[in-house]
Every structure is written in structure tokens, then in C-alpha cells.
Amino acid sequence: TDSPARLAAVQPFITTPENLSPARNKQGGVVKAVTFDCEMGYTSRGFEMVRLTAVTWPEGGDLLDILVRPLGTIIDLNSRFSGVWPEHFTNAVPYETWLATPSPAPAESQTPSEPRPLPFVDSPHKARELLCSFLTPTTPLIGHAIENDLNVTRLCHPTVIDTMLLYPHPRGLPFRFGLKMLTKKYLQRDIQTGGDRGHDSLEDAISTGDLVRVKVGLEWKRVRKLGWAFKDDEFGESKLVRPPDVDAFGALGVEAGDRKLAGLDGADDSDDAARPGFLNGMGGITVADIADMGLTINVL
């Protein structure tokens, strides 16, 4: 029931559309990047999304946290993994109503795995539409094993960052580290502690974004030791400057073939901004983001 052909017949893939006016975050600011996570359950039409969560990156601010009414009849919410239980749908209110009268914030004593009121949308198409309202094709979309989330969302997005690839297993694919282990090792915090109550996609999304912050900080620390630095240009904007008289690509370990494939031929200054993040698959993160995150996690 989860075959690609069946899923494609139920809800075809789309490519992230152009978006001249992306939705802003709750503070009215520009959304630089989005971290998202989905929870899935079994329905008469296959393995469908039942919850979608998206947060801003690097802040981790809430953008979307919605229950999704699947297209098929629900057979099993997969609750012990998804963390979505019948009472979530029972207590949910339509998303439009929730926007007009937001639910109160959870109490400080409430753990992420406890049931809390969530809004719902009536189809996966609507959930995807809401997610895409914050995106352009060049907006970095961050996830852990993100192919699973993109598959159930039925979305082809050109700019992705996957923590599974940022923190590869030493034995290579198909082996991969779980989000719980990575969060404990690199963030020193425990997640997915709800036991049979299942995961919390908000908790997972925030942890995934924080892992990218750590990786960006470590990468900036590394390239700074190689002599890369930020300097203000004539317009007062921060610009990444290569070390003098150094093969910028060679110092970063980027092979000649990879340079050509990525279009980084060193012919213009714009290539400089992409080089440090290129090796670790972080080309979607801007120069300013790298600088900000380096300061935020105190690795300079």
C-alpha cells in the first residue's frame, strides 16, 4: 500500500512553485529556512501523512503544527511511533478557526509527548499548500531522512539539507544514525522519551534544526582556521573572502570534478560564498547564516 505508483495515483508530486510573496513568521520576519517533520499512519489508500510540523531555522520558531485528515479511511494511526492518537483528532479544531482564536500555549509543566490541542486541515493537499506558502524553490528545507517526509508530502523541493547526510554513518548507506542518538551526542539532550506515546514531530523538527546549527558552526570554525574571513563590502554587507594565495577549493578538500559539477569554477567572486558549505551539502545556507550560527553556538 505504500508503493510509489499507488501514492502517485492518489496524490501526484509537485515541484515547489515560485512564490513572489512568501508567508512570514509569527513575528513578521522573513523565513530564511524551514525545518519540517511529518508523522504518518496507515489508511485505506496507503501510508499517509497525519501530522505536519514546520519551524523556522535557525530560531526554531513555530510556523505550522497541524493534524492532517488523510484521503483514505484511517486503519492505524501508528500511534506508538507517530505520537498521533484518536484524542488528538477529537480535540482538534479546523485550522481557519484556530487562526482566528489560537489555542493557549501549553503549560510549562507539559512535556512534548503529552496530548495538546492541535488544529487540523481536511486534506494532505491543504497541508502541502500551507507548507509551500513559506517556501520558494531556493528556501532551504531541512529534515532528518527528509526523503520520507517529502514522499508523504508529495513534494519535490530543489534545496534540501538532510541531517542524515550531514552526520553520515561510518559504514555508509544504507546504515544511518537515528535522530535520537544524534541529538543526545551533539546536543546533550534527550528526545522521544514518551515510550508507547510515540514521537513528537515538533520536538523532532527543533532537534533537527539544532543539529544543522551545530554542523554549520563546526564548519565555520574549520574554514576560519584555513584563513577564510568575513569582510564588509562597499555596501556594508558581509562577504566571505578567500585566503590570499591559497587554492580555496583544494584547502577545503573539493575535487576538481566536483567543482565543475557544482558550477564553482572560481571565475567570479560569487563562488566564494558557496565553497565552505559545499563540501558538507550546506549550499542553501547563506553567508550571513554561517556567520550568525558561528556566533550563536560559541565555536569561534
C-alpha atoms as a PDB file:
ATOM      1  CA  THR A   1       0.000   0.000   0.000  1.00  0.00           C
ATOM      2  CA  ASP A   2       3.000   2.342   0.213  1.00  0.00           C
ATOM      3  CA  SER A   3       4.284   1.714  -3.319  1.00  0.00           C
ATOM      4  CA  PRO A   4       5.360   4.817  -5.285  1.00  0.00           C
ATOM      5  CA  ALA A   5       2.887   4.062  -8.081  1.00  0.00           C
ATOM      6  CA  ARG A   6      -0.079   3.856  -5.711  1.00  0.00           C
ATOM      7  CA  LEU A   7       0.881   7.021  -3.865  1.00  0.00           C
ATOM      8  CA  ALA A   8       1.388   8.892  -7.133  1.00  0.00           C
ATOM      9  CA  ALA A   9      -2.105   7.920  -8.261  1.00  0.00           C
ATOM     10  CA  VAL A  10      -3.632   9.154  -5.005  1.00  0.00           C
ATOM     11  CA  GLN A  11      -1.741  12.440  -4.809  1.00  0.00           C
ATOM     12  CA  PRO A  12       0.772  13.337  -7.542  1.00  0.00           C
ATOM     13  CA  PHE A  13       4.062  15.021  -6.735  1.00  0.00           C
ATOM     14  CA  ILE A  14       4.516  18.723  -7.371  1.00  0.00           C
ATOM     15  CA  THR A  15       7.683  20.804  -7.513  1.00  0.00           C
ATOM     16  CA  THR A  16       7.822  23.708  -5.088  1.00  0.00           C
ATOM     17  CA  PRO A  17       6.219  26.561  -7.025  1.00  0.00           C
ATOM     18  CA  GLU A  18       7.663  30.018  -7.442  1.00  0.00           C
ATOM     19  CA  ASN A  19       6.494  32.256  -4.631  1.00  0.00           C
ATOM     20  CA  LEU A  20       6.922  36.009  -5.017  1.00  0.00           C
ATOM     21  CA  SER A  21       5.480  36.767  -1.578  1.00  0.00           C
ATOM     22  CA  PRO A  22       6.355  34.013   0.909  1.00  0.00           C
ATOM     23  CA  ALA A  23       4.441  33.996   4.168  1.00  0.00           C
ATOM     24  CA  ARG A  24       6.345  35.482   7.095  1.00  0.00           C
ATOM     25  CA  ASN A  25       6.925  34.087  10.556  1.00  0.00           C
ATOM     26  CA  LYS A  26       4.748  34.999  13.516  1.00  0.00           C
ATOM     27  CA  GLN A  27       6.961  37.991  14.289  1.00  0.00           C
ATOM     28  CA  GLY A  28       6.584  39.286  10.737  1.00  0.00           C
ATOM     29  CA  GLY A  29      10.142  38.389   9.773  1.00  0.00           C
ATOM     30  CA  VAL A  30      11.493  36.734   6.664  1.00  0.00           C
ATOM     31  CA  VAL A  31      11.723  32.946   6.863  1.00  0.00           C
ATOM     32  CA  LYS A  32      15.364  32.126   5.988  1.00  0.00           C
ATOM     33  CA  ALA A  33      14.975  28.367   6.102  1.00  0.00           C
ATOM     34  CA  VAL A  34      12.428  25.809   7.277  1.00  0.00           C
ATOM     35  CA  THR A  35      12.848  22.606   9.272  1.00  0.00           C
ATOM     36  CA  PHE A  36       9.973  20.176   8.966  1.00  0.00           C
ATOM     37  CA  ASP A  37       8.890  16.743  10.097  1.00  0.00           C
ATOM     38  CA  CYS A  38       5.883  14.570   9.313  1.00  0.00           C
ATOM     39  CA  GLU A  39       4.154  11.754  11.140  1.00  0.00           C
ATOM     40  CA  MET A  40       2.428   9.024   9.182  1.00  0.00           C
ATOM     41  CA  GLY A  41      -0.317   6.460   9.643  1.00  0.00           C
ATOM     42  CA  TYR A  42      -1.890   3.628   7.669  1.00  0.00           C
ATOM     43  CA  THR A  43      -5.067   4.289   5.681  1.00  0.00           C
ATOM     44  CA  SER A  44      -7.101   2.510   3.015  1.00  0.00           C
ATOM     45  CA  ARG A  45      -5.031   4.436   0.453  1.00  0.00           C
ATOM     46  CA  GLY A  46      -1.604   3.661   1.848  1.00  0.00           C
ATOM     47  CA  PHE A  47       0.890   5.254   4.221  1.00  0.00           C
ATOM     48  CA  GLU A  48      -0.335   8.827   4.582  1.00  0.00           C
ATOM     49  CA  MET A  49       0.661  11.934   6.490  1.00  0.00           C
ATOM     50  CA  VAL A  50      -1.360  12.584   9.663  1.00  0.00           C
ATOM     51  CA  ARG A  51       0.673  15.442  11.134  1.00  0.00           C
ATOM     52  CA  LEU A  52       2.956  18.084   9.651  1.00  0.00           C
ATOM     53  CA  THR A  53       5.201  20.369  11.674  1.00  0.00           C
ATOM     54  CA  ALA A  54       7.407  23.170  10.385  1.00  0.00           C
ATOM     55  CA  VAL A  55       9.626  25.568  12.333  1.00  0.00           C
ATOM     56  CA  THR A  56      11.873  28.425  11.330  1.00  0.00           C
ATOM     57  CA  TRP A  57      15.597  27.935  11.057  1.00  0.00           C
ATOM     58  CA  PRO A  58      17.789  28.875  12.858  1.00  0.00           C
ATOM     59  CA  GLU A  59      15.402  30.253  15.510  1.00  0.00           C
ATOM     60  CA  GLY A  60      13.189  27.170  15.846  1.00  0.00           C
ATOM     61  CA  GLY A  61      10.051  29.302  15.949  1.00  0.00           C
ATOM     62  CA  ASP A  62       6.684  27.692  15.229  1.00  0.00           C
ATOM     63  CA  LEU A  63       5.362  28.012  11.662  1.00  0.00           C
ATOM     64  CA  LEU A  64       2.977  25.088  11.331  1.00  0.00           C
ATOM     65  CA  ASP A  65       1.891  22.265  13.603  1.00  0.00           C
ATOM     66  CA  ILE A  66      -1.212  20.686  12.152  1.00  0.00           C
ATOM     67  CA  LEU A  67      -3.060  17.407  12.073  1.00  0.00           C
ATOM     68  CA  VAL A  68      -3.857  16.223   8.565  1.00  0.00           C
ATOM     69  CA  ARG A  69      -7.018  14.361   7.663  1.00  0.00           C
ATOM     70  CA  PRO A  70      -5.796  11.719   5.182  1.00  0.00           C
ATOM     71  CA  LEU A  71      -7.502  10.919   1.903  1.00  0.00           C
ATOM     72  CA  GLY A  72      -8.172   7.305   2.857  1.00  0.00           C
ATOM     73  CA  THR A  73     -10.038   5.819   5.787  1.00  0.00           C
ATOM     74  CA  ILE A  74      -7.740   5.568   8.795  1.00  0.00           C
ATOM     75  CA  ILE A  75      -6.794   1.992   9.614  1.00  0.00           C
ATOM     76  CA  ASP A  76      -3.972   2.577  12.103  1.00  0.00           C
ATOM     77  CA  LEU A  77      -2.608   5.935  13.257  1.00  0.00           C
ATOM     78  CA  ASN A  78       0.688   4.181  14.009  1.00  0.00           C
ATOM     79  CA  SER A  79       0.429   5.963  17.345  1.00  0.00           C
ATOM     80  CA  ARG A  80       3.312   4.298  19.149  1.00  0.00           C
ATOM     81  CA  PHE A  81       5.625   5.881  16.580  1.00  0.00           C
ATOM     82  CA  SER A  82       3.669   8.848  15.197  1.00  0.00           C
ATOM     83  CA  GLY A  83       2.538  10.139  18.579  1.00  0.00           C
ATOM     84  CA  VAL A  84      -0.837  10.938  16.989  1.00  0.00           C
ATOM     85  CA  TRP A  85      -3.751   9.436  18.885  1.00  0.00           C
ATOM     86  CA  PRO A  86      -7.543   9.478  18.333  1.00  0.00           C
ATOM     87  CA  GLU A  87      -7.950  12.104  21.060  1.00  0.00           C
ATOM     88  CA  HIS A  88      -5.775  14.496  19.065  1.00  0.00           C
ATOM     89  CA  PHE A  89      -8.336  14.467  16.256  1.00  0.00           C
ATOM     90  CA  THR A  90     -11.231  14.511  18.742  1.00  0.00           C
ATOM     91  CA  ASN A  91      -9.928  17.701  20.382  1.00  0.00           C
ATOM     92  CA  ALA A  92      -8.733  19.381  17.180  1.00  0.00           C
ATOM     93  CA  VAL A  93     -10.375  22.416  15.600  1.00  0.00           C
ATOM     94  CA  PRO A  94     -10.299  23.487  11.938  1.00  0.00           C
ATOM     95  CA  TYR A  95      -7.146  25.391  11.039  1.00  0.00           C
ATOM     96  CA  GLU A  96      -9.061  28.510   9.967  1.00  0.00           C
ATOM     97  CA  THR A  97     -10.898  28.599  13.294  1.00  0.00           C
ATOM     98  CA  TRP A  98      -7.643  28.069  15.160  1.00  0.00           C
ATOM     99  CA  LEU A  99      -6.066  31.014  13.319  1.00  0.00           C
ATOM    100  CA  ALA A 100      -8.883  33.279  14.451  1.00  0.00           C
ATOM    101  CA  THR A 101      -8.751  32.052  18.053  1.00  0.00           C
ATOM    102  CA  PRO A 102      -5.340  30.452  18.703  1.00  0.00           C
ATOM    103  CA  SER A 103      -5.188  27.716  21.292  1.00  0.00           C
ATOM    104  CA  PRO A 104      -3.497  28.686  24.562  1.00  0.00           C
ATOM    105  CA  ALA A 105       0.181  27.874  24.863  1.00  0.00           C
ATOM    106  CA  PRO A 106       0.968  24.611  26.681  1.00  0.00           C
ATOM    107  CA  ALA A 107       1.753  24.844  30.364  1.00  0.00           C
ATOM    108  CA  GLU A 108       5.414  24.882  31.349  1.00  0.00           C
ATOM    109  CA  SER A 109       4.952  21.558  33.118  1.00  0.00           C
ATOM    110  CA  GLN A 110       3.577  19.901  29.986  1.00  0.00           C
ATOM    111  CA  THR A 111       6.007  17.559  28.248  1.00  0.00           C
ATOM    112  CA  PRO A 112       6.218  17.432  24.443  1.00  0.00           C
ATOM    113  CA  SER A 113       4.723  13.934  24.321  1.00  0.00           C
ATOM    114  CA  GLU A 114       1.534  14.875  26.222  1.00  0.00           C
ATOM    115  CA  PRO A 115      -1.603  15.360  24.109  1.00  0.00           C
ATOM    116  CA  ARG A 116      -2.262  19.026  23.365  1.00  0.00           C
ATOM    117  CA  PRO A 117      -4.843  20.731  21.198  1.00  0.00           C
ATOM    118  CA  LEU A 118      -3.795  20.995  17.562  1.00  0.00           C
ATOM    119  CA  PRO A 119      -5.566  22.451  14.533  1.00  0.00           C
ATOM    120  CA  PHE A 120      -6.390  20.186  11.607  1.00  0.00           C
ATOM    121  CA  VAL A 121      -6.681  20.579   7.859  1.00  0.00           C
ATOM    122  CA  ASP A 122      -9.012  18.488   5.753  1.00  0.00           C
ATOM    123  CA  SER A 123      -6.508  17.048   3.275  1.00  0.00           C
ATOM    124  CA  PRO A 124      -2.803  16.455   2.565  1.00  0.00           C
ATOM    125  CA  HIS A 125      -3.159  18.912  -0.343  1.00  0.00           C
ATOM    126  CA  LYS A 126      -4.033  21.705   2.084  1.00  0.00           C
ATOM    127  CA  ALA A 127      -1.138  20.782   4.389  1.00  0.00           C
ATOM    128  CA  ARG A 128       1.272  20.929   1.450  1.00  0.00           C
ATOM    129  CA  GLU A 129      -0.175  24.246   0.334  1.00  0.00           C
ATOM    130  CA  LEU A 130       0.403  25.739   3.790  1.00  0.00           C
ATOM    131  CA  LEU A 131       3.975  24.459   3.893  1.00  0.00           C
ATOM    132  CA  CYS A 132       4.709  25.842   0.422  1.00  0.00           C
ATOM    133  CA  SER A 133       3.358  29.248   1.452  1.00  0.00           C
ATOM    134  CA  PHE A 134       6.585  29.725   3.427  1.00  0.00           C
ATOM    135  CA  LEU A 135       8.866  28.396   0.685  1.00  0.00           C
ATOM    136  CA  THR A 136      10.439  29.415  -2.560  1.00  0.00           C
ATOM    137  CA  PRO A 137      12.413  26.912  -4.641  1.00  0.00           C
ATOM    138  CA  THR A 138      15.625  28.295  -3.098  1.00  0.00           C
ATOM    139  CA  THR A 139      14.462  28.232   0.540  1.00  0.00           C
ATOM    140  CA  PRO A 140      16.475  25.555   2.373  1.00  0.00           C
ATOM    141  CA  LEU A 141      14.158  22.808   3.617  1.00  0.00           C
ATOM    142  CA  ILE A 142      15.723  20.833   6.450  1.00  0.00           C
ATOM    143  CA  GLY A 143      14.860  17.371   7.734  1.00  0.00           C
ATOM    144  CA  HIS A 144      16.210  14.080   9.024  1.00  0.00           C
ATOM    145  CA  ALA A 145      15.951  11.353   6.369  1.00  0.00           C
ATOM    146  CA  ILE A 146      13.975  14.011   4.576  1.00  0.00           C
ATOM    147  CA  GLU A 147      13.056  11.770   1.658  1.00  0.00           C
ATOM    148  CA  ASN A 148      10.402  10.129   3.851  1.00  0.00           C
ATOM    149  CA  ASP A 149       8.765  13.450   4.718  1.00  0.00           C
ATOM    150  CA  LEU A 150       8.933  14.728   1.130  1.00  0.00           C
ATOM    151  CA  ASN A 151       7.426  11.457  -0.085  1.00  0.00           C
ATOM    152  CA  VAL A 152       4.288  11.674   2.043  1.00  0.00           C
ATOM    153  CA  THR A 153       4.011  15.417   1.407  1.00  0.00           C
ATOM    154  CA  ARG A 154       4.321  14.638  -2.324  1.00  0.00           C
ATOM    155  CA  LEU A 155       6.783  17.472  -2.803  1.00  0.00           C
ATOM    156  CA  CYS A 156       9.947  17.806  -4.915  1.00  0.00           C
ATOM    157  CA  HIS A 157      11.990  20.613  -3.403  1.00  0.00           C
ATOM    158  CA  PRO A 158      15.235  21.739  -5.078  1.00  0.00           C
ATOM    159  CA  THR A 159      17.058  22.929  -1.941  1.00  0.00           C
ATOM    160  CA  VAL A 160      17.264  20.416   0.906  1.00  0.00           C
ATOM    161  CA  ILE A 161      19.544  19.803   3.874  1.00  0.00           C
ATOM    162  CA  ASP A 162      19.428  16.340   5.433  1.00  0.00           C
ATOM    163  CA  THR A 163      20.999  15.717   8.835  1.00  0.00           C
ATOM    164  CA  MET A 164      21.304  12.061   7.907  1.00  0.00           C
ATOM    165  CA  LEU A 165      23.873  13.142   5.303  1.00  0.00           C
ATOM    166  CA  LEU A 166      25.479  15.812   7.471  1.00  0.00           C
ATOM    167  CA  TYR A 167      26.186  13.132  10.092  1.00  0.00           C
ATOM    168  CA  PRO A 168      26.878  10.025   7.960  1.00  0.00           C
ATOM    169  CA  HIS A 169      27.233   6.553   9.388  1.00  0.00           C
ATOM    170  CA  PRO A 170      30.858   5.333   9.147  1.00  0.00           C
ATOM    171  CA  ARG A 171      29.692   2.170   7.347  1.00  0.00           C
ATOM    172  CA  GLY A 172      27.873   4.203   4.709  1.00  0.00           C
ATOM    173  CA  LEU A 173      24.355   3.783   3.380  1.00  0.00           C
ATOM    174  CA  PRO A 174      22.013   2.081   3.996  1.00  0.00           C
ATOM    175  CA  PHE A 175      23.228   2.432   7.581  1.00  0.00           C
ATOM    176  CA  ARG A 176      22.217   5.692   9.196  1.00  0.00           C
ATOM    177  CA  PHE A 177      22.173   7.302  12.625  1.00  0.00           C
ATOM    178  CA  GLY A 178      18.828   7.919  14.289  1.00  0.00           C
ATOM    179  CA  LEU A 179      17.747  11.402  15.288  1.00  0.00           C
ATOM    180  CA  LYS A 180      17.506  10.396  18.940  1.00  0.00           C
ATOM    181  CA  MET A 181      21.135   9.268  19.060  1.00  0.00           C
ATOM    182  CA  LEU A 182      22.433  12.333  17.196  1.00  0.00           C
ATOM    183  CA  THR A 183      20.513  14.677  19.478  1.00  0.00           C
ATOM    184  CA  LYS A 184      21.932  13.025  22.569  1.00  0.00           C
ATOM    185  CA  LYS A 185      25.505  13.036  21.232  1.00  0.00           C
ATOM    186  CA  TYR A 186      25.690  16.529  19.739  1.00  0.00           C
ATOM    187  CA  LEU A 187      23.036  18.473  21.674  1.00  0.00           C
ATOM    188  CA  GLN A 188      23.257  16.629  25.006  1.00  0.00           C
ATOM    189  CA  ARG A 189      19.504  16.347  25.294  1.00  0.00           C
ATOM    190  CA  ASP A 190      17.004  13.521  25.317  1.00  0.00           C
ATOM    191  CA  ILE A 191      14.119  13.311  22.859  1.00  0.00           C
ATOM    192  CA  GLN A 192      11.482  10.716  22.031  1.00  0.00           C
ATOM    193  CA  THR A 193      11.152   9.787  25.684  1.00  0.00           C
ATOM    194  CA  GLY A 194       7.401   9.229  25.537  1.00  0.00           C
ATOM    195  CA  GLY A 195       7.688   5.458  25.221  1.00  0.00           C
ATOM    196  CA  ASP A 196       4.498   3.982  23.794  1.00  0.00           C
ATOM    197  CA  ARG A 197       3.041   7.502  23.484  1.00  0.00           C
ATOM    198  CA  GLY A 198       5.215   7.917  20.399  1.00  0.00           C
ATOM    199  CA  HIS A 199       7.262  10.722  18.910  1.00  0.00           C
ATOM    200  CA  ASP A 200       6.523  14.443  18.826  1.00  0.00           C
ATOM    201  CA  SER A 201       7.142  15.985  15.401  1.00  0.00           C
ATOM    202  CA  LEU A 202       7.640  19.453  16.912  1.00  0.00           C
ATOM    203  CA  GLU A 203      10.366  18.143  19.196  1.00  0.00           C
ATOM    204  CA  ASP A 204      11.959  16.252  16.294  1.00  0.00           C
ATOM    205  CA  ALA A 205      11.870  19.258  13.969  1.00  0.00           C
ATOM    206  CA  ILE A 206      13.513  21.557  16.511  1.00  0.00           C
ATOM    207  CA  SER A 207      16.218  18.978  17.239  1.00  0.00           C
ATOM    208  CA  THR A 208      16.917  18.523  13.530  1.00  0.00           C
ATOM    209  CA  GLY A 209      17.352  22.263  13.073  1.00  0.00           C
ATOM    210  CA  ASP A 210      19.664  22.474  16.063  1.00  0.00           C
ATOM    211  CA  LEU A 211      21.843  19.704  14.632  1.00  0.00           C
ATOM    212  CA  VAL A 212      22.279  21.786  11.482  1.00  0.00           C
ATOM    213  CA  ARG A 213      23.236  24.772  13.613  1.00  0.00           C
ATOM    214  CA  VAL A 214      25.954  22.699  15.273  1.00  0.00           C
ATOM    215  CA  LYS A 215      27.217  21.469  11.907  1.00  0.00           C
ATOM    216  CA  VAL A 216      27.302  24.973  10.447  1.00  0.00           C
ATOM    217  CA  GLY A 217      29.206  26.231  13.475  1.00  0.00           C
ATOM    218  CA  LEU A 218      31.771  23.456  13.234  1.00  0.00           C
ATOM    219  CA  GLU A 219      32.181  24.032   9.507  1.00  0.00           C
ATOM    220  CA  TRP A 220      32.685  27.767  10.029  1.00  0.00           C
ATOM    221  CA  LYS A 221      35.254  27.070  12.721  1.00  0.00           C
ATOM    222  CA  ARG A 222      37.102  24.755  10.328  1.00  0.00           C
ATOM    223  CA  VAL A 223      37.208  27.123   7.360  1.00  0.00           C
ATOM    224  CA  ARG A 224      38.169  30.037   9.574  1.00  0.00           C
ATOM    225  CA  LYS A 225      41.307  28.135  10.545  1.00  0.00           C
ATOM    226  CA  LEU A 226      42.093  27.863   6.836  1.00  0.00           C
ATOM    227  CA  GLY A 227      42.091  31.636   6.574  1.00  0.00           C
ATOM    228  CA  TRP A 228      38.591  32.402   5.316  1.00  0.00           C
ATOM    229  CA  ALA A 229      37.115  35.569   6.835  1.00  0.00           C
ATOM    230  CA  PHE A 230      34.124  37.881   6.605  1.00  0.00           C
ATOM    231  CA  LYS A 231      34.648  41.458   5.476  1.00  0.00           C
ATOM    232  CA  ASP A 232      32.172  44.227   4.738  1.00  0.00           C
ATOM    233  CA  ASP A 233      31.940  45.303   1.098  1.00  0.00           C
ATOM    234  CA  GLU A 234      31.284  48.828  -0.144  1.00  0.00           C
ATOM    235  CA  PHE A 235      27.572  48.384   0.553  1.00  0.00           C
ATOM    236  CA  GLY A 236      28.133  47.359   4.165  1.00  0.00           C
ATOM    237  CA  GLU A 237      27.154  43.731   3.518  1.00  0.00           C
ATOM    238  CA  SER A 238      29.195  40.886   4.963  1.00  0.00           C
ATOM    239  CA  LYS A 239      31.172  38.998   2.331  1.00  0.00           C
ATOM    240  CA  LEU A 240      33.199  35.810   2.623  1.00  0.00           C
ATOM    241  CA  VAL A 241      36.767  36.376   1.451  1.00  0.00           C
ATOM    242  CA  ARG A 242      39.147  33.599   0.428  1.00  0.00           C
ATOM    243  CA  PRO A 243      42.635  33.320   1.939  1.00  0.00           C
ATOM    244  CA  PRO A 244      45.292  35.070  -0.161  1.00  0.00           C
ATOM    245  CA  ASP A 245      47.447  32.906  -2.437  1.00  0.00           C
ATOM    246  CA  VAL A 246      45.640  29.697  -1.439  1.00  0.00           C
ATOM    247  CA  ASP A 247      43.823  27.165  -3.601  1.00  0.00           C
ATOM    248  CA  ALA A 248      40.441  27.728  -1.988  1.00  0.00           C
ATOM    249  CA  PHE A 249      38.959  24.519  -3.355  1.00  0.00           C
ATOM    250  CA  GLY A 250      41.953  22.329  -2.552  1.00  0.00           C
ATOM    251  CA  ALA A 251      42.146  23.563   1.037  1.00  0.00           C
ATOM    252  CA  LEU A 252      38.507  22.593   1.540  1.00  0.00           C
ATOM    253  CA  GLY A 253      39.038  19.154   0.021  1.00  0.00           C
ATOM    254  CA  VAL A 254      36.767  19.709  -3.007  1.00  0.00           C
ATOM    255  CA  GLU A 255      37.894  17.702  -6.021  1.00  0.00           C
ATOM    256  CA  ALA A 256      38.186  19.295  -9.460  1.00  0.00           C
ATOM    257  CA  GLY A 257      35.360  17.191 -10.914  1.00  0.00           C
ATOM    258  CA  ASP A 258      33.019  18.191  -8.119  1.00  0.00           C
ATOM    259  CA  ARG A 259      33.862  21.847  -8.653  1.00  0.00           C
ATOM    260  CA  LYS A 260      32.833  21.683 -12.288  1.00  0.00           C
ATOM    261  CA  LEU A 261      29.675  19.728 -11.493  1.00  0.00           C
ATOM    262  CA  ALA A 262      28.612  22.331  -8.931  1.00  0.00           C
ATOM    263  CA  GLY A 263      29.391  25.229 -11.236  1.00  0.00           C
ATOM    264  CA  LEU A 264      32.074  26.524  -8.873  1.00  0.00           C
ATOM    265  CA  ASP A 265      34.837  27.318 -11.299  1.00  0.00           C
ATOM    266  CA  GLY A 266      36.304  30.262  -9.423  1.00  0.00           C
ATOM    267  CA  ALA A 267      35.534  32.577 -12.310  1.00  0.00           C
ATOM    268  CA  ASP A 268      33.721  35.120 -10.147  1.00  0.00           C
ATOM    269  CA  ASP A 269      33.536  36.235  -6.532  1.00  0.00           C
ATOM    270  CA  SER A 270      30.069  34.770  -6.035  1.00  0.00           C
ATOM    271  CA  ASP A 271      31.631  31.296  -5.936  1.00  0.00           C
ATOM    272  CA  ASP A 272      33.393  32.200  -2.706  1.00  0.00           C
ATOM    273  CA  ALA A 273      30.155  32.255  -0.720  1.00  0.00           C
ATOM    274  CA  ALA A 274      29.313  28.689  -1.721  1.00  0.00           C
ATOM    275  CA  ARG A 275      32.686  26.994  -1.207  1.00  0.00           C
ATOM    276  CA  PRO A 276      32.778  26.473   2.582  1.00  0.00           C
ATOM    277  CA  GLY A 277      29.343  24.875   2.763  1.00  0.00           C
ATOM    278  CA  PHE A 278      29.661  22.947  -0.474  1.00  0.00           C
ATOM    279  CA  LEU A 279      31.665  20.039   0.870  1.00  0.00           C
ATOM    280  CA  ASN A 280      29.120  19.248   3.585  1.00  0.00           C
ATOM    281  CA  GLY A 281      25.999  19.764   1.493  1.00  0.00           C
ATOM    282  CA  MET A 282      25.023  23.098   3.015  1.00  0.00           C
ATOM    283  CA  GLY A 283      24.919  25.175  -0.161  1.00  0.00           C
ATOM    284  CA  GLY A 284      21.468  26.514   0.698  1.00  0.00           C
ATOM    285  CA  ILE A 285      22.677  28.338   3.804  1.00  0.00           C
ATOM    286  CA  THR A 286      23.681  31.938   3.214  1.00  0.00           C
ATOM    287  CA  VAL A 287      26.947  33.536   4.220  1.00  0.00           C
ATOM    288  CA  ALA A 288      25.154  35.625   6.840  1.00  0.00           C
ATOM    289  CA  ASP A 289      23.592  32.497   8.345  1.00  0.00           C
ATOM    290  CA  ILE A 290      27.001  30.858   8.694  1.00  0.00           C
ATOM    291  CA  ALA A 291      28.343  33.905  10.495  1.00  0.00           C
ATOM    292  CA  ASP A 292      25.307  34.160  12.777  1.00  0.00           C
ATOM    293  CA  MET A 293      25.367  30.498  13.719  1.00  0.00           C
ATOM    294  CA  GLY A 294      29.093  30.548  14.406  1.00  0.00           C
ATOM    295  CA  LEU A 295      28.496  33.247  16.966  1.00  0.00           C
ATOM    296  CA  THR A 296      25.350  31.675  18.366  1.00  0.00           C
ATOM    297  CA  ILE A 297      26.864  28.351  19.389  1.00  0.00           C
ATOM    298  CA  ASN A 298      30.141  29.845  20.625  1.00  0.00           C
ATOM    299  CA  VAL A 299      32.582  27.982  18.469  1.00  0.00           C
ATOM    300  CA  LEU A 300      34.643  30.932  17.238  1.00  0.00           C
END
